[in-house]
Amino acid sequence: MPGRPPAWQRRLRRHRRVLAAVLAAVVVGSLASALHPASEPTAAVVVAARDLVPGSMLTADDLVVAERPSAAAPADPVPDPAGAVGRTVASPVRAGEVLRARDVVSPGLVAGLGPGMRATPVRLADDGAASLVRAGDSVDVLAAYAGDGTAGAAASVVASGVRVLVAPAPATGGSTSLLGGAPASTASGAVLVLATTPAQALDLARAGAGARLSVALRPN
């Protein structure tokens, strides 16, 4: 037919239209994926409902279950809030943070203390002094308060004759403590867990907020 393109040209045009449609679909799909990425996997974890202070005993109101990205979950999350209730906080936990096994004291430590006693974590200023202490030792906890620059520092005994339940392991080969696998000593000080009365636990918490804590060994 005059003016009509050959058959091969008509087929080529059809193929081009099909290819253009496929490419357009690929572009639209890519844009949709970029604007609406796949949801990140999440997991249910136990988090702090409020700021948790070392030495306090956990209650049901202190903990909630929340969804957090699986990739950001710690290696040792507390699996169930019911299992954490009644345990003692070993390190500070901010509201909304995931509760880890290392953040609480093992329930076995508290079970054998006797009525009215507490397992109280204490962070010392001197890692070297803490490394000399062993579980079962009797110690006095000392608090040194910074002076005004003229009279030096004032020191006092905060808790006398308390028993050490958990002490830092010797610093060899990445040692761990009994607090759930965490390093026993960090850059911010070593942690001891002491058997105290509620009044001693309160005194230690107050002193730890504004003083450098250390220990003196007593004869067993």
Protein backbone atom coordinates (compact mmCIF):
# COMPACT_ATOMS: atom_id res chain seq x y z
CA MET A 1 0.00 0.00 0.00
CA PRO A 2 1.47 3.38 -0.99
CA GLY A 3 2.77 5.42 2.00
CA ARG A 4 2.44 2.50 4.41
CA PRO A 5 5.72 1.49 6.11
CA PRO A 6 7.00 -2.02 5.56
CA ALA A 7 5.91 -4.79 7.92
CA TRP A 8 9.31 -5.03 9.61
CA GLN A 9 9.15 -1.34 10.56
CA ARG A 10 5.65 -1.78 12.02
CA ARG A 11 6.87 -4.76 14.08
CA LEU A 12 9.88 -2.75 15.30
CA ARG A 13 7.63 0.09 16.43
CA ARG A 14 5.40 -2.32 18.35
CA HIS A 15 8.41 -3.86 20.01
CA ARG A 16 9.66 -0.41 20.96
CA ARG A 17 6.31 0.47 22.51
CA VAL A 18 6.30 -2.77 24.53
CA LEU A 19 9.89 -2.17 25.68
CA ALA A 20 9.08 1.41 26.67
CA ALA A 21 6.10 0.20 28.71
CA VAL A 22 8.25 -2.40 30.50
CA LEU A 23 10.94 0.16 31.28
CA ALA A 24 8.33 2.59 32.60
CA ALA A 25 6.93 -0.11 34.90
CA VAL A 26 10.43 -0.87 36.21
CA VAL A 27 11.04 2.82 36.93
CA VAL A 28 7.70 3.22 38.71
CA GLY A 29 8.39 0.10 40.80
CA SER A 30 11.84 1.34 41.77
CA LEU A 31 10.45 4.71 42.82
CA ALA A 32 7.76 3.03 44.89
CA SER A 33 10.35 0.86 46.67
CA ALA A 34 12.51 3.89 47.38
CA LEU A 35 9.59 5.90 48.77
CA HIS A 36 8.18 2.97 50.77
CA PRO A 37 11.09 0.73 51.84
CA ALA A 38 10.41 -2.67 53.34
CA SER A 39 9.68 -2.60 57.07
CA GLU A 40 12.69 -3.35 59.28
CA PRO A 41 12.29 -6.55 61.33
CA THR A 42 11.43 -5.91 64.96
CA ALA A 43 11.35 -7.95 68.17
CA ALA A 44 9.50 -7.62 71.46
CA VAL A 45 11.91 -6.69 74.25
CA VAL A 46 11.70 -5.60 77.88
CA VAL A 47 12.44 -1.89 78.33
CA ALA A 48 12.59 0.41 81.35
CA ALA A 49 9.36 2.32 81.95
CA ARG A 50 11.30 4.91 83.99
CA ASP A 51 14.92 5.64 84.93
CA LEU A 52 16.25 2.71 86.98
CA VAL A 53 18.73 3.43 89.76
CA PRO A 54 21.40 0.89 90.83
CA GLY A 55 20.46 -0.82 94.08
CA SER A 56 16.70 -0.51 93.56
CA MET A 57 14.49 -3.57 93.36
CA LEU A 58 12.46 -3.97 90.17
CA THR A 59 8.67 -3.93 90.27
CA ALA A 60 6.15 -4.68 87.53
CA ASP A 61 5.58 -0.93 87.07
CA ASP A 62 9.29 -0.43 86.21
CA LEU A 63 9.13 -2.54 83.04
CA VAL A 64 7.16 -2.64 79.80
CA VAL A 65 7.36 -4.71 76.63
CA ALA A 66 8.02 -2.76 73.43
CA GLU A 67 8.97 -3.40 69.82
CA ARG A 68 12.55 -2.52 68.86
CA PRO A 69 14.56 -3.13 65.64
CA SER A 70 16.00 -6.64 65.77
CA ALA A 71 19.37 -5.42 64.48
CA ALA A 72 19.71 -3.02 67.42
CA ALA A 73 18.76 -5.52 70.14
CA PRO A 74 21.49 -6.32 72.71
CA ALA A 75 23.05 -9.75 72.86
CA ASP A 76 21.64 -10.44 76.34
CA PRO A 77 18.13 -8.96 76.61
CA VAL A 78 15.98 -9.90 79.59
CA PRO A 79 13.44 -12.26 77.97
CA ASP A 80 10.46 -11.75 80.27
CA PRO A 81 9.47 -8.89 82.61
CA ALA A 82 7.98 -11.33 85.12
CA GLY A 83 11.38 -12.97 85.54
CA ALA A 84 13.02 -9.62 86.29
CA VAL A 85 10.55 -8.43 88.94
CA GLY A 86 12.17 -8.57 92.39
CA ARG A 87 15.72 -8.49 91.04
CA THR A 88 18.16 -5.73 91.97
CA VAL A 89 19.33 -3.16 89.43
CA ALA A 90 23.11 -3.40 88.95
CA SER A 91 23.73 -0.47 86.58
CA PRO A 92 21.78 2.64 85.54
CA VAL A 93 19.12 2.14 82.86
CA ARG A 94 17.40 5.09 81.18
CA ALA A 95 13.66 5.12 80.51
CA GLY A 96 13.02 3.46 77.15
CA GLU A 97 16.32 1.53 77.10
CA VAL A 98 16.31 -2.25 76.64
CA LEU A 99 16.94 -4.10 79.90
CA ARG A 100 19.92 -6.46 79.61
CA ALA A 101 20.84 -9.43 81.81
CA ARG A 102 23.98 -7.55 82.88
CA ASP A 103 21.84 -4.70 84.24
CA VAL A 104 20.36 -6.80 87.06
CA VAL A 105 21.77 -9.00 89.78
CA SER A 106 21.19 -12.72 89.56
CA PRO A 107 18.28 -13.80 91.80
CA GLY A 108 20.45 -16.51 93.34
CA LEU A 109 22.55 -13.84 95.05
CA VAL A 110 19.55 -12.31 96.78
CA ALA A 111 17.93 -15.60 97.80
CA GLY A 112 20.58 -16.49 100.37
CA LEU A 113 20.97 -13.11 102.06
CA GLY A 114 18.36 -13.52 104.74
CA PRO A 115 15.39 -11.36 105.71
CA GLY A 116 15.73 -7.62 105.20
CA MET A 117 19.04 -7.76 103.34
CA ARG A 118 19.75 -6.32 99.90
CA ALA A 119 22.25 -7.06 97.13
CA THR A 120 23.54 -3.55 96.43
CA PRO A 121 25.76 -2.67 93.44
CA VAL A 122 28.46 -0.07 94.17
CA ARG A 123 30.67 1.52 91.53
CA LEU A 124 34.18 2.28 92.82
CA ALA A 125 36.45 5.03 91.55
CA ASP A 126 39.61 2.90 91.59
CA ASP A 127 39.67 -0.22 89.44
CA GLY A 128 42.99 -1.28 90.93
CA ALA A 129 41.69 -1.32 94.50
CA ALA A 130 38.55 -3.17 93.45
CA SER A 131 40.61 -5.88 91.78
CA LEU A 132 42.09 -6.79 95.19
CA VAL A 133 38.66 -7.61 96.60
CA ARG A 134 37.14 -11.09 96.34
CA ALA A 135 33.66 -12.46 96.93
CA GLY A 136 33.24 -13.23 100.63
CA ASP A 137 35.52 -10.41 101.84
CA SER A 138 34.33 -8.01 104.49
CA VAL A 139 34.91 -4.34 103.61
CA ASP A 140 34.27 -0.80 104.73
CA VAL A 141 33.01 1.49 101.97
CA LEU A 142 34.61 4.95 102.07
CA ALA A 143 33.33 8.10 100.42
CA ALA A 144 35.68 10.98 99.55
CA TYR A 145 34.03 14.33 98.91
CA ALA A 146 35.94 17.00 97.00
CA GLY A 147 36.87 19.97 99.15
CA ASP A 148 36.89 23.65 98.27
CA GLY A 149 40.51 23.55 97.06
CA THR A 150 42.03 24.59 100.39
CA ALA A 151 41.10 21.88 102.85
CA GLY A 152 41.39 18.96 100.43
CA ALA A 153 38.81 16.20 100.41
CA ALA A 154 36.69 15.03 103.33
CA ALA A 155 36.30 11.26 103.70
CA SER A 156 33.89 9.19 105.74
CA VAL A 157 32.82 5.58 106.21
CA VAL A 158 29.49 5.03 104.46
CA ALA A 159 28.98 1.33 105.22
CA SER A 160 31.01 -0.72 107.68
CA GLY A 161 31.70 -4.45 107.65
CA VAL A 162 29.60 -5.33 104.59
CA ARG A 163 30.11 -8.62 102.77
CA VAL A 164 31.15 -8.71 99.11
CA LEU A 165 28.85 -10.86 96.98
CA VAL A 166 30.35 -10.15 93.54
CA ALA A 167 33.78 -8.71 92.78
CA PRO A 168 35.62 -7.99 89.51
CA ALA A 169 37.33 -11.00 88.02
CA PRO A 170 41.08 -10.68 87.39
CA ALA A 171 41.66 -8.63 84.25
CA THR A 172 42.98 -11.43 82.03
CA GLY A 173 41.67 -12.43 78.63
CA GLY A 174 38.51 -10.37 78.65
CA SER A 175 37.21 -11.62 81.99
CA THR A 176 33.56 -11.32 82.87
CA SER A 177 31.64 -10.78 86.07
CA LEU A 178 28.70 -12.62 87.58
CA LEU A 179 26.32 -9.83 86.61
CA GLY A 180 25.36 -11.60 83.41
CA GLY A 181 28.45 -11.70 81.26
CA ALA A 182 29.41 -8.02 81.28
CA PRO A 183 32.96 -6.92 81.87
CA ALA A 184 33.52 -6.59 85.61
CA SER A 185 35.41 -3.33 85.21
CA THR A 186 34.91 -0.42 82.84
CA ALA A 187 36.45 2.98 82.20
CA SER A 188 33.95 4.53 84.59
CA GLY A 189 34.89 2.30 87.54
CA ALA A 190 34.59 -1.25 88.80
CA VAL A 191 31.36 -2.61 90.25
CA LEU A 192 31.05 -4.57 93.48
CA VAL A 193 27.82 -6.10 94.74
CA LEU A 194 27.52 -5.92 98.51
CA ALA A 195 25.16 -7.48 101.06
CA THR A 196 23.65 -4.49 102.87
CA THR A 197 20.70 -3.46 104.97
CA PRO A 198 18.15 -1.17 103.30
CA ALA A 199 19.57 1.78 105.28
CA GLN A 200 23.11 1.02 104.09
CA ALA A 201 21.87 0.70 100.50
CA LEU A 202 20.30 4.16 100.77
CA ASP A 203 23.48 5.66 102.26
CA LEU A 204 25.57 4.13 99.48
CA ALA A 205 23.24 5.47 96.80
CA ARG A 206 23.44 8.96 98.26
CA ALA A 207 27.21 8.84 98.57
CA GLY A 208 27.64 7.47 95.06
CA ALA A 209 25.83 10.48 93.63
CA GLY A 210 28.43 12.98 94.79
CA ALA A 211 31.55 11.23 96.06
CA ARG A 212 34.35 8.92 94.96
CA LEU A 213 33.80 5.54 96.57
CA SER A 214 36.54 3.14 97.63
CA VAL A 215 36.85 0.18 99.99
CA ALA A 216 39.07 -0.89 102.85
CA LEU A 217 39.46 -4.60 103.58
CA ARG A 218 38.59 -5.86 107.05
CA PRO A 219 39.82 -9.07 108.70
CA ASN A 220 37.39 -11.94 108.06
